[in-house]
Amino acid sequence: MEIDQFQAVIAETYGERDKARGTAASVAWLCEEVGELAQAVRKGTVADQRHELGDVFAWLASLAHQMGLSLDEAAQRYADGCPRCGSIPCACA
């Protein structure tokens, strides 16, 4: 699945509920999911890590949708490597 397709599925599935909740609450949920991902990375199984990574990505997609932004366009910033030095791998000091 492409990033823009994923964002569209999340918007269709949760868009109205998340819009009613608002961006501030969505950021809070995203932060909570990042915390759960951190715990899964430290102590969880690969299945736990995959689950939490998916949750983080879903909340990020929902937030982007609420803000009228495209995750695909945001990711393009890194399409050619490091956006600061332009290298792959990054050659920044």
C-alpha atoms as a PDB file:
ATOM      1  CA  MET A   1       0.000   0.000   0.000  1.00  0.00           C
ATOM      2  CA  GLU A   2       1.272   3.453  -0.879  1.00  0.00           C
ATOM      3  CA  ILE A   3       1.456   6.170   1.778  1.00  0.00           C
ATOM      4  CA  ASP A   4      -1.297   8.261   0.196  1.00  0.00           C
ATOM      5  CA  GLN A   5      -3.568   5.203  -0.004  1.00  0.00           C
ATOM      6  CA  PHE A   6      -2.933   4.447   3.667  1.00  0.00           C
ATOM      7  CA  GLN A   7      -3.746   8.023   4.629  1.00  0.00           C
ATOM      8  CA  ALA A   8      -6.994   7.837   2.628  1.00  0.00           C
ATOM      9  CA  VAL A   9      -8.033   4.580   4.325  1.00  0.00           C
ATOM     10  CA  ILE A  10      -7.353   6.059   7.776  1.00  0.00           C
ATOM     11  CA  ALA A  11      -9.296   9.204   6.850  1.00  0.00           C
ATOM     12  CA  GLU A  12     -12.246   7.169   5.614  1.00  0.00           C
ATOM     13  CA  THR A  13     -12.168   4.857   8.633  1.00  0.00           C
ATOM     14  CA  TYR A  14     -11.559   7.346  11.450  1.00  0.00           C
ATOM     15  CA  GLY A  15     -11.687  10.804   9.870  1.00  0.00           C
ATOM     16  CA  GLU A  16     -14.990  12.070  11.230  1.00  0.00           C
ATOM     17  CA  ARG A  17     -14.348  10.793  14.764  1.00  0.00           C
ATOM     18  CA  ASP A  18     -10.805  12.157  14.829  1.00  0.00           C
ATOM     19  CA  LYS A  19     -11.883  15.519  13.375  1.00  0.00           C
ATOM     20  CA  ALA A  20     -14.497  15.840  16.142  1.00  0.00           C
ATOM     21  CA  ARG A  21     -11.804  14.984  18.702  1.00  0.00           C
ATOM     22  CA  GLY A  22      -9.525  17.697  17.283  1.00  0.00           C
ATOM     23  CA  THR A  23      -5.843  18.010  16.497  1.00  0.00           C
ATOM     24  CA  ALA A  24      -4.713  18.622  20.083  1.00  0.00           C
ATOM     25  CA  ALA A  25      -6.311  15.378  21.266  1.00  0.00           C
ATOM     26  CA  SER A  26      -4.951  13.548  18.230  1.00  0.00           C
ATOM     27  CA  VAL A  27      -1.433  14.747  19.044  1.00  0.00           C
ATOM     28  CA  ALA A  28      -1.933  13.455  22.582  1.00  0.00           C
ATOM     29  CA  TRP A  29      -3.029  10.043  21.239  1.00  0.00           C
ATOM     30  CA  LEU A  30      -0.053  10.021  18.866  1.00  0.00           C
ATOM     31  CA  CYS A  31       2.310  10.727  21.768  1.00  0.00           C
ATOM     32  CA  GLU A  32       0.725   7.951  23.809  1.00  0.00           C
ATOM     33  CA  GLU A  33       1.232   5.537  20.930  1.00  0.00           C
ATOM     34  CA  VAL A  34       4.876   6.623  20.567  1.00  0.00           C
ATOM     35  CA  GLY A  35       5.314   5.781  24.248  1.00  0.00           C
ATOM     36  CA  GLU A  36       3.781   2.356  23.676  1.00  0.00           C
ATOM     37  CA  LEU A  37       6.128   1.867  20.720  1.00  0.00           C
ATOM     38  CA  ALA A  38       9.106   2.791  22.894  1.00  0.00           C
ATOM     39  CA  GLN A  39       8.053   0.192  25.449  1.00  0.00           C
ATOM     40  CA  ALA A  40       7.579  -2.431  22.726  1.00  0.00           C
ATOM     41  CA  VAL A  41      11.044  -1.678  21.340  1.00  0.00           C
ATOM     42  CA  ARG A  42      12.571  -2.123  24.788  1.00  0.00           C
ATOM     43  CA  LYS A  43      10.615  -5.116  26.039  1.00  0.00           C
ATOM     44  CA  GLY A  44       8.208  -6.350  23.402  1.00  0.00           C
ATOM     45  CA  THR A  45       8.161  -8.985  20.731  1.00  0.00           C
ATOM     46  CA  VAL A  46       8.493  -8.279  17.033  1.00  0.00           C
ATOM     47  CA  ALA A  47       4.693  -8.636  16.800  1.00  0.00           C
ATOM     48  CA  ASP A  48       4.262  -6.027  19.563  1.00  0.00           C
ATOM     49  CA  GLN A  49       6.674  -3.676  17.814  1.00  0.00           C
ATOM     50  CA  ARG A  50       4.888  -4.074  14.470  1.00  0.00           C
ATOM     51  CA  HIS A  51       1.512  -3.463  16.150  1.00  0.00           C
ATOM     52  CA  GLU A  52       2.654  -0.269  17.880  1.00  0.00           C
ATOM     53  CA  LEU A  53       4.472   1.007  14.799  1.00  0.00           C
ATOM     54  CA  GLY A  54       1.231   0.600  12.864  1.00  0.00           C
ATOM     55  CA  ASP A  55      -0.677   2.513  15.546  1.00  0.00           C
ATOM     56  CA  VAL A  56       1.841   5.377  15.434  1.00  0.00           C
ATOM     57  CA  PHE A  57       1.620   5.497  11.642  1.00  0.00           C
ATOM     58  CA  ALA A  58      -2.190   5.499  11.767  1.00  0.00           C
ATOM     59  CA  TRP A  59      -2.346   8.383  14.241  1.00  0.00           C
ATOM     60  CA  LEU A  60       0.231  10.294  12.185  1.00  0.00           C
ATOM     61  CA  ALA A  61      -1.891   9.748   9.062  1.00  0.00           C
ATOM     62  CA  SER A  62      -5.014  10.895  10.903  1.00  0.00           C
ATOM     63  CA  LEU A  63      -3.289  14.022  12.163  1.00  0.00           C
ATOM     64  CA  ALA A  64      -1.969  14.846   8.693  1.00  0.00           C
ATOM     65  CA  HIS A  65      -5.470  14.426   7.270  1.00  0.00           C
ATOM     66  CA  GLN A  66      -6.962  16.719   9.921  1.00  0.00           C
ATOM     67  CA  MET A  67      -4.359  19.344   9.065  1.00  0.00           C
ATOM     68  CA  GLY A  68      -4.989  19.013   5.324  1.00  0.00           C
ATOM     69  CA  LEU A  69      -1.458  17.748   4.701  1.00  0.00           C
ATOM     70  CA  SER A  70      -0.150  14.824   2.697  1.00  0.00           C
ATOM     71  CA  LEU A  71       2.194  12.352   4.380  1.00  0.00           C
ATOM     72  CA  ASP A  72       3.396  11.401   0.916  1.00  0.00           C
ATOM     73  CA  GLU A  73       4.392  15.004   0.206  1.00  0.00           C
ATOM     74  CA  ALA A  74       6.002  15.319   3.647  1.00  0.00           C
ATOM     75  CA  ALA A  75       8.050  12.172   3.015  1.00  0.00           C
ATOM     76  CA  GLN A  76       9.347  13.634  -0.257  1.00  0.00           C
ATOM     77  CA  ARG A  77      11.580  15.869   1.851  1.00  0.00           C
ATOM     78  CA  TYR A  78      13.763  12.776   2.376  1.00  0.00           C
ATOM     79  CA  ALA A  79      13.444  11.295  -1.128  1.00  0.00           C
ATOM     80  CA  ASP A  80      16.976  12.282  -2.096  1.00  0.00           C
ATOM     81  CA  GLY A  81      18.594  11.514   1.245  1.00  0.00           C
ATOM     82  CA  CYS A  82      19.414  13.931   4.024  1.00  0.00           C
ATOM     83  CA  PRO A  83      17.491  17.161   3.393  1.00  0.00           C
ATOM     84  CA  ARG A  84      20.314  19.158   4.953  1.00  0.00           C
ATOM     85  CA  CYS A  85      23.403  17.840   3.170  1.00  0.00           C
ATOM     86  CA  GLY A  86      21.729  15.928   0.319  1.00  0.00           C
ATOM     87  CA  SER A  87      23.802  12.805   0.919  1.00  0.00           C
ATOM     88  CA  ILE A  88      22.995   9.132   1.348  1.00  0.00           C
ATOM     89  CA  PRO A  89      24.177   8.238   3.942  1.00  0.00           C
ATOM     90  CA  CYS A  90      24.009  11.554   5.741  1.00  0.00           C
ATOM     91  CA  ALA A  91      27.353  13.348   5.798  1.00  0.00           C
ATOM     92  CA  CYS A  92      26.367  16.068   8.293  1.00  0.00           C
ATOM     93  CA  ALA A  93      28.861  16.656  11.082  1.00  0.00           C
END
